[in-house]
Amino acid sequence: MFALVSHGVIYLKADEHNAPAFEREQLEPFTYATRTGRRGVMSYRRMPDRLYDDPDELAIWARAALAAAARGEVGKMRAKTRRRRSARAT
């Protein structure tokens, strides 16, 4: 998953590779309400509003978000493989 929409706002996947672009523009993370308050999800950041009118730049940001999602999936698969190997070793 490289993006999500909440209350009409698009949030794009962020990781250490593309997070600086979000930080430069001071784009806030996705947040949601819980019984104890609000929680922020730093791995999804608000998309810049100007991208709604600039499909070329939107494509650049979307590709970066898709790459971040792919890197996250690779990391999850590697961790799962390590867990399986360590379980077999015991």
N, C-alpha and C. Protein backbone atom coordinates (compact mmCIF):
# COMPACT_ATOMS: atom_id res chain seq x y z
N MET A 1 0.85 -1.17 0.00
CA MET A 1 0.00 0.00 0.00
C MET A 1 0.90 1.23 0.00
N PHE A 2 0.74 2.10 -0.98
CA PHE A 2 1.62 3.26 -1.09
C PHE A 2 0.91 4.57 -0.75
N ALA A 3 -0.40 4.51 -0.54
CA ALA A 3 -1.15 5.73 -0.20
C ALA A 3 -2.43 5.35 0.53
N LEU A 4 -3.00 6.33 1.20
CA LEU A 4 -4.32 6.14 1.81
C LEU A 4 -5.05 7.47 1.77
N VAL A 5 -6.36 7.38 1.83
CA VAL A 5 -7.20 8.57 1.82
C VAL A 5 -8.04 8.56 3.08
N SER A 6 -8.04 9.68 3.80
CA SER A 6 -8.83 9.81 5.01
C SER A 6 -9.45 11.20 5.03
N HIS A 7 -10.76 11.24 5.12
CA HIS A 7 -11.49 12.51 5.16
C HIS A 7 -11.12 13.41 3.99
N GLY A 8 -10.97 12.82 2.81
CA GLY A 8 -10.68 13.57 1.60
C GLY A 8 -9.24 14.03 1.45
N VAL A 9 -8.35 13.57 2.33
CA VAL A 9 -6.94 13.95 2.27
C VAL A 9 -6.13 12.73 1.87
N ILE A 10 -5.20 12.91 0.93
CA ILE A 10 -4.34 11.82 0.48
C ILE A 10 -3.04 11.85 1.28
N TYR A 11 -2.65 10.69 1.76
CA TYR A 11 -1.39 10.51 2.48
C TYR A 11 -0.55 9.51 1.69
N LEU A 12 0.73 9.82 1.51
CA LEU A 12 1.63 8.96 0.75
C LEU A 12 2.59 8.23 1.68
N LYS A 13 3.01 7.05 1.29
CA LYS A 13 3.97 6.25 2.06
C LYS A 13 5.31 6.99 2.12
N ALA A 14 5.89 7.03 3.31
CA ALA A 14 7.19 7.69 3.51
C ALA A 14 8.12 6.75 4.24
N ASP A 15 9.40 6.81 3.89
CA ASP A 15 10.44 6.09 4.61
C ASP A 15 11.67 6.98 4.63
N GLU A 16 12.80 6.42 5.05
CA GLU A 16 14.00 7.25 5.21
C GLU A 16 14.48 7.84 3.89
N HIS A 17 14.08 7.28 2.76
CA HIS A 17 14.52 7.78 1.46
C HIS A 17 13.73 9.00 0.99
N ASN A 18 12.43 9.01 1.18
CA ASN A 18 11.63 10.14 0.69
C ASN A 18 11.07 11.03 1.81
N ALA A 19 11.28 10.68 3.06
CA ALA A 19 10.78 11.51 4.17
C ALA A 19 11.33 12.94 4.16
N PRO A 20 12.59 13.17 3.77
CA PRO A 20 13.07 14.55 3.75
C PRO A 20 12.23 15.49 2.88
N ALA A 21 11.67 14.99 1.80
CA ALA A 21 10.81 15.84 0.95
C ALA A 21 9.56 16.28 1.71
N PHE A 22 8.99 15.38 2.49
CA PHE A 22 7.81 15.71 3.29
C PHE A 22 8.19 16.68 4.40
N GLU A 23 9.34 16.45 5.01
CA GLU A 23 9.79 17.31 6.10
C GLU A 23 10.09 18.72 5.62
N ARG A 24 10.70 18.86 4.44
CA ARG A 24 10.99 20.19 3.88
C ARG A 24 9.72 21.01 3.73
N GLU A 25 8.64 20.33 3.41
CA GLU A 25 7.36 21.02 3.19
C GLU A 25 6.49 21.02 4.44
N GLN A 26 7.02 20.51 5.54
CA GLN A 26 6.32 20.47 6.82
C GLN A 26 4.94 19.81 6.70
N LEU A 27 4.92 18.66 6.04
CA LEU A 27 3.69 17.91 5.84
C LEU A 27 3.49 16.94 7.00
N GLU A 28 2.34 17.03 7.62
CA GLU A 28 2.08 16.25 8.83
C GLU A 28 1.79 14.78 8.51
N PRO A 29 2.04 13.93 9.50
CA PRO A 29 1.75 12.50 9.32
C PRO A 29 0.25 12.24 9.43
N PHE A 30 -0.15 11.10 8.93
CA PHE A 30 -1.52 10.63 9.09
C PHE A 30 -1.77 10.40 10.58
N THR A 31 -2.89 10.87 11.08
CA THR A 31 -3.25 10.64 12.47
C THR A 31 -4.67 10.08 12.53
N TYR A 32 -4.94 9.38 13.62
CA TYR A 32 -6.28 8.84 13.84
C TYR A 32 -6.59 8.89 15.33
N ALA A 33 -7.86 8.89 15.64
CA ALA A 33 -8.30 9.00 17.02
C ALA A 33 -8.37 7.62 17.67
N THR A 34 -7.97 7.58 18.93
CA THR A 34 -8.13 6.39 19.75
C THR A 34 -8.87 6.81 21.02
N ARG A 35 -9.15 5.87 21.87
CA ARG A 35 -9.82 6.22 23.13
C ARG A 35 -8.95 7.11 24.01
N THR A 36 -7.65 6.98 23.87
CA THR A 36 -6.73 7.74 24.72
C THR A 36 -6.16 8.99 24.05
N GLY A 37 -6.64 9.31 22.85
CA GLY A 37 -6.15 10.51 22.16
C GLY A 37 -5.89 10.22 20.70
N ARG A 38 -4.99 10.98 20.11
CA ARG A 38 -4.66 10.81 18.69
C ARG A 38 -3.32 10.11 18.54
N ARG A 39 -3.22 9.31 17.53
CA ARG A 39 -1.96 8.62 17.20
C ARG A 39 -1.51 9.05 15.83
N GLY A 40 -0.21 9.22 15.68
CA GLY A 40 0.36 9.57 14.39
C GLY A 40 1.04 8.37 13.76
N VAL A 41 0.92 8.25 12.46
CA VAL A 41 1.57 7.18 11.72
C VAL A 41 2.59 7.86 10.81
N MET A 42 3.84 7.85 11.23
CA MET A 42 4.88 8.58 10.51
C MET A 42 5.18 7.98 9.14
N SER A 43 4.77 6.76 8.90
CA SER A 43 5.06 6.14 7.60
C SER A 43 4.12 6.61 6.50
N TYR A 44 3.13 7.43 6.83
CA TYR A 44 2.25 8.04 5.83
C TYR A 44 2.18 9.53 6.13
N ARG A 45 2.50 10.35 5.11
CA ARG A 45 2.52 11.80 5.28
C ARG A 45 1.58 12.44 4.28
N ARG A 46 1.01 13.56 4.67
CA ARG A 46 0.07 14.29 3.83
C ARG A 46 0.71 14.66 2.50
N MET A 47 -0.02 14.50 1.42
CA MET A 47 0.45 14.87 0.11
C MET A 47 0.36 16.40 -0.04
N PRO A 48 1.34 17.04 -0.64
CA PRO A 48 1.25 18.49 -0.85
C PRO A 48 0.02 18.84 -1.69
N ASP A 49 -0.71 19.87 -1.28
CA ASP A 49 -1.93 20.27 -1.98
C ASP A 49 -1.67 20.63 -3.44
N ARG A 50 -0.51 21.19 -3.75
CA ARG A 50 -0.24 21.63 -5.12
C ARG A 50 -0.23 20.46 -6.10
N LEU A 51 -0.04 19.23 -5.60
CA LEU A 51 0.02 18.07 -6.50
C LEU A 51 -1.33 17.75 -7.13
N TYR A 52 -2.42 18.22 -6.53
CA TYR A 52 -3.73 17.99 -7.13
C TYR A 52 -3.83 18.67 -8.50
N ASP A 53 -3.05 19.73 -8.70
CA ASP A 53 -3.08 20.48 -9.96
C ASP A 53 -1.85 20.26 -10.82
N ASP A 54 -0.97 19.36 -10.43
CA ASP A 54 0.28 19.14 -11.16
C ASP A 54 0.51 17.64 -11.33
N PRO A 55 -0.10 17.04 -12.36
CA PRO A 55 0.00 15.58 -12.51
C PRO A 55 1.43 15.08 -12.72
N ASP A 56 2.28 15.88 -13.33
CA ASP A 56 3.66 15.44 -13.55
C ASP A 56 4.40 15.30 -12.22
N GLU A 57 4.28 16.31 -11.36
CA GLU A 57 4.94 16.23 -10.06
C GLU A 57 4.26 15.18 -9.16
N LEU A 58 2.94 15.05 -9.29
CA LEU A 58 2.23 14.01 -8.54
C LEU A 58 2.79 12.64 -8.89
N ALA A 59 3.07 12.41 -10.16
CA ALA A 59 3.62 11.12 -10.58
C ALA A 59 4.98 10.87 -9.93
N ILE A 60 5.78 11.90 -9.79
CA ILE A 60 7.10 11.76 -9.15
C ILE A 60 6.93 11.36 -7.69
N TRP A 61 6.05 12.07 -6.97
CA TRP A 61 5.82 11.76 -5.55
C TRP A 61 5.19 10.37 -5.39
N ALA A 62 4.27 10.01 -6.29
CA ALA A 62 3.62 8.70 -6.21
C ALA A 62 4.63 7.58 -6.45
N ARG A 63 5.54 7.77 -7.42
CA ARG A 63 6.57 6.75 -7.65
C ARG A 63 7.46 6.58 -6.43
N ALA A 64 7.80 7.70 -5.78
CA ALA A 64 8.64 7.62 -4.57
C ALA A 64 7.90 6.89 -3.45
N ALA A 65 6.59 7.14 -3.33
CA ALA A 65 5.78 6.46 -2.31
C ALA A 65 5.67 4.97 -2.62
N LEU A 66 5.50 4.64 -3.89
CA LEU A 66 5.42 3.23 -4.29
C LEU A 66 6.75 2.53 -4.00
N ALA A 67 7.86 3.20 -4.26
CA ALA A 67 9.17 2.62 -3.96
C ALA A 67 9.33 2.41 -2.46
N ALA A 68 8.85 3.36 -1.65
CA ALA A 68 8.92 3.22 -0.19
C ALA A 68 8.10 2.01 0.26
N ALA A 69 6.92 1.83 -0.33
CA ALA A 69 6.09 0.67 0.02
C ALA A 69 6.78 -0.62 -0.37
N ALA A 70 7.41 -0.64 -1.54
CA ALA A 70 8.12 -1.84 -1.98
C ALA A 70 9.29 -2.16 -1.06
N ARG A 71 10.03 -1.12 -0.65
CA ARG A 71 11.15 -1.36 0.28
C ARG A 71 10.63 -1.92 1.60
N GLY A 72 9.49 -1.44 2.06
CA GLY A 72 8.91 -1.95 3.30
C GLY A 72 8.50 -3.40 3.18
N GLU A 73 7.95 -3.79 2.05
CA GLU A 73 7.55 -5.19 1.84
C GLU A 73 8.76 -6.10 1.81
N VAL A 74 9.84 -5.65 1.17
CA VAL A 74 11.06 -6.46 1.13
C VAL A 74 11.57 -6.66 2.55
N GLY A 75 11.56 -5.61 3.36
CA GLY A 75 12.00 -5.72 4.75
C GLY A 75 11.15 -6.69 5.55
N LYS A 76 9.84 -6.65 5.34
CA LYS A 76 8.94 -7.56 6.05
C LYS A 76 9.21 -9.01 5.65
N MET A 77 9.43 -9.23 4.36
CA MET A 77 9.68 -10.59 3.88
C MET A 77 11.01 -11.11 4.43
N ARG A 78 12.02 -10.26 4.49
CA ARG A 78 13.31 -10.69 5.04
C ARG A 78 13.18 -11.04 6.52
N ALA A 79 12.44 -10.23 7.26
CA ALA A 79 12.24 -10.51 8.69
C ALA A 79 11.50 -11.83 8.88
N LYS A 80 10.50 -12.07 8.06
CA LYS A 80 9.72 -13.32 8.16
C LYS A 80 10.62 -14.51 7.86
N THR A 81 11.49 -14.39 6.86
CA THR A 81 12.41 -15.47 6.51
C THR A 81 13.38 -15.73 7.67
N ARG A 82 13.91 -14.67 8.27
CA ARG A 82 14.83 -14.84 9.41
C ARG A 82 14.13 -15.54 10.56
N ARG A 83 12.88 -15.18 10.84
CA ARG A 83 12.14 -15.83 11.94
C ARG A 83 11.95 -17.32 11.65
N ARG A 84 11.61 -17.66 10.41
CA ARG A 84 11.43 -19.07 10.05
C ARG A 84 12.73 -19.85 10.19
N ARG A 85 13.82 -19.25 9.73
CA ARG A 85 15.12 -19.94 9.84
C ARG A 85 15.52 -20.15 11.28
N SER A 86 15.32 -19.14 12.12
CA SER A 86 15.72 -19.29 13.52
C SER A 86 14.82 -20.30 14.22
N ALA A 87 13.56 -20.38 13.84
CA ALA A 87 12.64 -21.37 14.44
C ALA A 87 13.06 -22.78 14.05
N ARG A 88 13.51 -22.97 12.82
CA ARG A 88 13.95 -24.29 12.36
C ARG A 88 15.26 -24.68 13.03
N ALA A 89 16.10 -23.71 13.37
CA ALA A 89 17.41 -24.00 13.97
C ALA A 89 17.28 -24.48 15.41
N THR A 90 16.16 -24.17 16.05
CA THR A 90 16.01 -24.58 17.47
C THR A 90 15.39 -25.93 17.62
